[in-house]
Amino acid sequence: MSAQFSGKRIWAGTLLLFTGIFYLLYNLNALPFDAPPYVFSWQMVVVLIGIYYFYRSWFWGLAFIGMGIYFMLPIMGVLPVFDIHKIWPALLILLGLMVLLGSGFKKKSKKKIMSKNNINEINDGTFDITAIMGGDSRQISAYDFKGGTITAVMGGIELDLTNCYLSKEGAIIDLSVVMGGVSLKVSREWNIQSEISPILSGIEDADIHTMGVHIDPAALVILRGTVVMGGIEIKRA
């Protein structure tokens, strides 16, 4: 079974890849040009966050990009240097708008989810979930579950798979976790095998040692991928 990559996953991975390569070359003094100081400022981090969010929401993408560029202009010499202590309430205003508008979006999406009994049905037996600097909680339902891909970068994902019926070949879940956490809720009898490469990370399947858990060797679910400074938790129900 091969993993399928969504546009959001490719966008996030490409952004992280080229950003990492750029800063690595800078640290090794291998850049073919002299980068200006503002490229390595916190303002540029805000711009990069905006570039990522632009794929998901053009409004918030432009908001972050605009805020990063605005605070970057004094470093570039375009605007006079201003006192951050005088304008920090503007950040609270922006945060308040994000909370208010975000709560409205959540209410709309919640109505859609509740109309489906809070279950996301997948037709092809696979899923693709990405959480970058945020969180995601889903309940998946499938009659021929084959696995999927999970990407969590400085974020958390809670995934309930107890309404899934495994395919005859089993399932493969590919994980890419960097400074994040993933919680998988699975059926008691599933045979979870980990082929994950953990780096300063942990994988816990505590319920497997409790009374009443009988593992079915044929119900095989393989976890693959890499976890860097993160954690994977298996819950059984």
Protein backbone atom coordinates (compact mmCIF):
# COMPACT_ATOMS: atom_id res chain seq x y z
CA MET A 1 0.00 0.00 0.00
CA SER A 2 1.46 3.33 -1.05
CA ALA A 3 0.76 6.62 0.68
CA GLN A 4 -1.15 9.29 -1.22
CA PHE A 5 -0.20 12.91 -0.66
CA SER A 6 -2.76 15.70 -0.64
CA GLY A 7 -2.03 19.18 -1.89
CA LYS A 8 -1.96 20.51 1.68
CA ARG A 9 0.61 17.90 2.69
CA ILE A 10 2.81 18.66 -0.34
CA TRP A 11 2.53 22.42 0.33
CA ALA A 12 3.52 22.08 3.99
CA GLY A 13 6.34 19.62 3.28
CA THR A 14 7.79 21.73 0.47
CA LEU A 15 7.70 24.87 2.61
CA LEU A 16 9.47 23.15 5.51
CA LEU A 17 11.99 21.50 3.17
CA PHE A 18 13.14 24.67 1.42
CA THR A 19 13.10 26.71 4.62
CA GLY A 20 15.27 24.11 6.34
CA ILE A 21 17.69 23.93 3.40
CA PHE A 22 18.01 27.72 3.30
CA TYR A 23 18.78 28.10 7.01
CA LEU A 24 21.12 25.10 6.97
CA LEU A 25 23.16 26.65 4.14
CA TYR A 26 23.25 29.91 6.08
CA ASN A 27 24.55 28.18 9.23
CA LEU A 28 27.22 26.44 7.14
CA ASN A 29 28.19 29.73 5.42
CA ALA A 30 27.36 28.07 2.11
CA LEU A 31 24.83 30.54 0.72
CA PRO A 32 25.92 31.91 -2.68
CA PHE A 33 24.72 35.38 -1.67
CA ASP A 34 24.56 37.61 1.40
CA ALA A 35 21.16 37.37 3.06
CA PRO A 36 19.82 40.54 4.72
CA PRO A 37 19.35 40.46 8.52
CA TYR A 38 15.55 40.57 8.44
CA VAL A 39 15.48 37.15 6.74
CA PHE A 40 16.48 35.62 10.08
CA SER A 41 14.12 37.64 12.27
CA TRP A 42 10.94 36.69 14.10
CA GLN A 43 9.07 38.81 11.58
CA MET A 44 10.10 36.38 8.83
CA VAL A 45 8.72 33.51 10.92
CA VAL A 46 5.35 35.29 10.95
CA VAL A 47 5.55 35.67 7.16
CA LEU A 48 6.29 31.96 6.75
CA ILE A 49 3.30 31.09 8.93
CA GLY A 50 1.20 33.31 6.67
CA ILE A 51 2.53 31.58 3.55
CA TYR A 52 1.49 28.23 4.98
CA TYR A 53 -1.97 29.44 6.05
CA PHE A 54 -2.53 31.08 2.66
CA TYR A 55 -3.17 27.62 1.18
CA ARG A 56 -5.86 26.94 3.80
CA SER A 57 -7.34 30.44 4.09
CA TRP A 58 -6.29 33.39 1.93
CA PHE A 59 -7.66 35.81 4.54
CA TRP A 60 -5.53 34.60 7.46
CA GLY A 61 -2.61 33.94 5.16
CA LEU A 62 -2.58 37.56 4.01
CA ALA A 63 -3.16 38.73 7.60
CA PHE A 64 -0.03 36.98 8.88
CA ILE A 65 2.04 37.92 5.84
CA GLY A 66 0.96 41.54 6.12
CA MET A 67 1.70 41.67 9.85
CA GLY A 68 5.15 40.14 9.35
CA ILE A 69 6.03 42.52 6.53
CA TYR A 70 4.72 45.51 8.48
CA PHE A 71 6.99 44.80 11.44
CA MET A 72 9.82 44.02 9.01
CA LEU A 73 9.72 47.40 7.25
CA PRO A 74 11.61 49.28 10.00
CA ILE A 75 14.43 46.71 9.81
CA MET A 76 14.55 47.22 6.04
CA GLY A 77 14.75 50.99 6.55
CA VAL A 78 11.47 51.67 4.77
CA LEU A 79 9.67 52.92 7.88
CA PRO A 80 11.08 54.65 10.94
CA VAL A 81 11.69 52.44 13.94
CA PHE A 82 8.65 52.47 16.18
CA ASP A 83 8.13 51.50 19.79
CA ILE A 84 6.53 48.05 19.94
CA HIS A 85 5.14 48.86 23.39
CA LYS A 86 2.84 51.49 21.87
CA ILE A 87 1.20 49.24 19.30
CA TRP A 88 1.10 45.86 21.05
CA PRO A 89 -2.68 46.24 21.72
CA ALA A 90 -3.12 45.87 17.95
CA LEU A 91 -1.94 42.30 18.31
CA LEU A 92 -4.69 41.70 20.89
CA ILE A 93 -7.23 43.13 18.45
CA LEU A 94 -6.03 40.77 15.72
CA LEU A 95 -6.10 37.84 18.13
CA GLY A 96 -9.64 38.76 19.21
CA LEU A 97 -10.81 38.82 15.59
CA MET A 98 -9.23 35.42 15.00
CA VAL A 99 -11.02 33.97 18.03
CA LEU A 100 -14.40 35.47 17.11
CA LEU A 101 -14.27 34.52 13.44
CA GLY A 102 -12.72 31.15 14.24
CA SER A 103 -15.53 30.32 16.68
CA GLY A 104 -18.06 31.13 13.99
CA PHE A 105 -16.36 28.80 11.53
CA LYS A 106 -16.20 26.06 14.15
CA LYS A 107 -19.93 26.35 14.83
CA LYS A 108 -20.70 25.94 11.13
CA SER A 109 -18.39 22.99 10.75
CA LYS A 110 -19.74 21.42 13.94
CA LYS A 111 -23.27 21.48 12.52
CA LYS A 112 -22.05 19.65 9.44
CA ILE A 113 -20.25 17.07 11.54
CA MET A 114 -23.19 16.50 13.87
CA SER A 115 -25.43 15.90 10.89
CA LYS A 116 -23.22 12.90 10.13
CA ASN A 117 -23.19 11.67 13.73
CA ASN A 118 -19.77 13.26 14.26
CA ILE A 119 -18.17 10.72 11.90
CA ASN A 120 -16.07 11.45 8.82
CA GLU A 121 -16.71 8.70 6.30
CA ILE A 122 -13.95 7.81 3.86
CA ASN A 123 -14.78 6.04 0.62
CA ASP A 124 -11.39 4.79 -0.54
CA GLY A 125 -10.37 3.45 2.88
CA THR A 126 -7.57 5.98 3.37
CA PHE A 127 -7.20 9.38 5.02
CA ASP A 128 -4.72 12.27 4.99
CA ILE A 129 -4.59 14.60 8.01
CA THR A 130 -2.18 17.48 8.57
CA ALA A 131 -1.82 19.70 11.66
CA ILE A 132 0.86 22.38 11.71
CA MET A 133 1.00 24.64 14.75
CA GLY A 134 -2.55 23.60 15.56
CA GLY A 135 -4.79 20.69 16.47
CA ASP A 136 -7.20 18.33 14.76
CA SER A 137 -9.67 15.83 16.21
CA ARG A 138 -11.59 13.41 14.01
CA GLN A 139 -13.57 10.20 14.07
CA ILE A 140 -13.15 8.07 10.96
CA SER A 141 -15.59 5.49 9.60
CA ALA A 142 -14.69 2.99 6.85
CA TYR A 143 -15.72 -0.53 5.87
CA ASP A 144 -12.45 -1.30 4.05
CA PHE A 145 -9.90 0.62 6.10
CA LYS A 146 -6.44 0.61 4.49
CA GLY A 147 -4.65 3.30 6.50
CA GLY A 148 -3.55 6.82 5.73
CA THR A 149 -1.02 9.56 6.39
CA ILE A 150 -0.63 11.82 9.41
CA THR A 151 1.54 14.94 9.54
CA ALA A 152 1.89 16.88 12.81
CA VAL A 153 4.42 19.70 13.10
CA MET A 154 4.23 21.51 16.44
CA GLY A 155 0.62 20.36 16.61
CA GLY A 156 -1.59 17.58 17.91
CA ILE A 157 -3.97 15.11 16.27
CA GLU A 158 -6.60 12.94 17.95
CA LEU A 159 -7.96 10.23 15.69
CA ASP A 160 -10.74 7.78 16.57
CA LEU A 161 -10.64 4.66 14.37
CA THR A 162 -13.02 2.47 16.38
CA ASN A 163 -15.68 2.72 13.63
CA CYS A 164 -13.32 1.31 11.00
CA TYR A 165 -13.29 -2.26 9.68
CA LEU A 166 -9.87 -3.35 8.47
CA SER A 167 -9.28 -4.48 4.91
CA LYS A 168 -8.15 -8.05 4.31
CA GLU A 169 -4.58 -6.85 3.74
CA GLY A 170 -4.56 -4.84 6.97
CA ALA A 171 -3.69 -1.16 7.17
CA ILE A 172 -0.60 1.04 7.08
CA ILE A 173 -0.51 4.44 8.79
CA ASP A 174 2.38 6.68 7.75
CA LEU A 175 3.31 9.30 10.37
CA SER A 176 5.53 12.36 10.17
CA VAL A 177 5.62 14.04 13.58
CA VAL A 178 7.93 16.88 14.57
CA MET A 179 7.53 18.35 18.07
CA GLY A 180 3.92 17.19 18.12
CA GLY A 181 1.68 14.45 19.40
CA VAL A 182 -0.71 11.91 17.90
CA SER A 183 -3.37 9.95 19.79
CA LEU A 184 -4.90 6.95 18.02
CA LYS A 185 -8.02 5.31 19.44
CA VAL A 186 -8.38 1.81 17.99
CA SER A 187 -10.35 -1.38 18.53
CA ARG A 188 -9.14 -3.65 21.31
CA GLU A 189 -8.28 -6.56 19.04
CA TRP A 190 -6.15 -4.65 16.54
CA ASN A 191 -2.59 -5.83 16.24
CA ILE A 192 -0.56 -2.61 16.23
CA GLN A 193 3.01 -3.04 14.99
CA SER A 194 5.38 -0.09 15.06
CA GLU A 195 8.06 0.44 12.42
CA ILE A 196 8.49 4.08 13.43
CA SER A 197 11.92 5.64 13.81
CA PRO A 198 11.66 7.69 17.03
CA ILE A 199 14.14 10.47 17.73
CA LEU A 200 13.87 11.80 21.28
CA SER A 201 10.30 10.52 21.20
CA GLY A 202 8.04 7.92 22.75
CA ILE A 203 5.39 5.45 21.59
CA GLU A 204 2.94 4.18 24.19
CA ASP A 205 0.37 1.40 23.99
CA ALA A 206 -0.49 1.13 27.68
CA ASP A 207 -3.91 -0.51 27.31
CA ILE A 208 -2.41 -3.61 25.71
CA HIS A 209 -1.36 -4.85 29.15
CA THR A 210 -4.77 -4.39 30.76
CA MET A 211 -7.30 -7.15 31.39
CA GLY A 212 -9.74 -7.95 28.59
CA VAL A 213 -7.48 -7.03 25.68
CA HIS A 214 -7.19 -9.94 23.21
CA ILE A 215 -5.05 -9.17 20.16
CA ASP A 216 -6.07 -10.66 16.82
CA PRO A 217 -2.86 -11.36 14.83
CA ALA A 218 -4.79 -11.06 11.56
CA ALA A 219 -6.03 -7.54 12.39
CA LEU A 220 -2.69 -5.99 11.51
CA VAL A 221 -2.07 -2.25 11.54
CA ILE A 222 1.48 -1.09 10.80
CA LEU A 223 2.73 2.32 11.93
CA ARG A 224 5.53 3.73 9.78
CA GLY A 225 7.40 6.99 9.58
CA THR A 226 9.46 9.25 11.81
CA VAL A 227 8.72 10.96 15.11
CA VAL A 228 11.10 13.73 16.22
CA MET A 229 10.69 15.14 19.73
CA GLY A 230 7.08 14.00 19.84
CA GLY A 231 4.85 11.23 21.07
CA ILE A 232 2.43 8.57 19.82
CA GLU A 233 -0.28 7.25 22.13
CA ILE A 234 -2.41 4.19 21.38
CA LYS A 235 -5.78 3.94 23.12
CA ARG A 236 -8.01 0.86 22.94
CA ALA A 237 -11.77 0.73 23.26
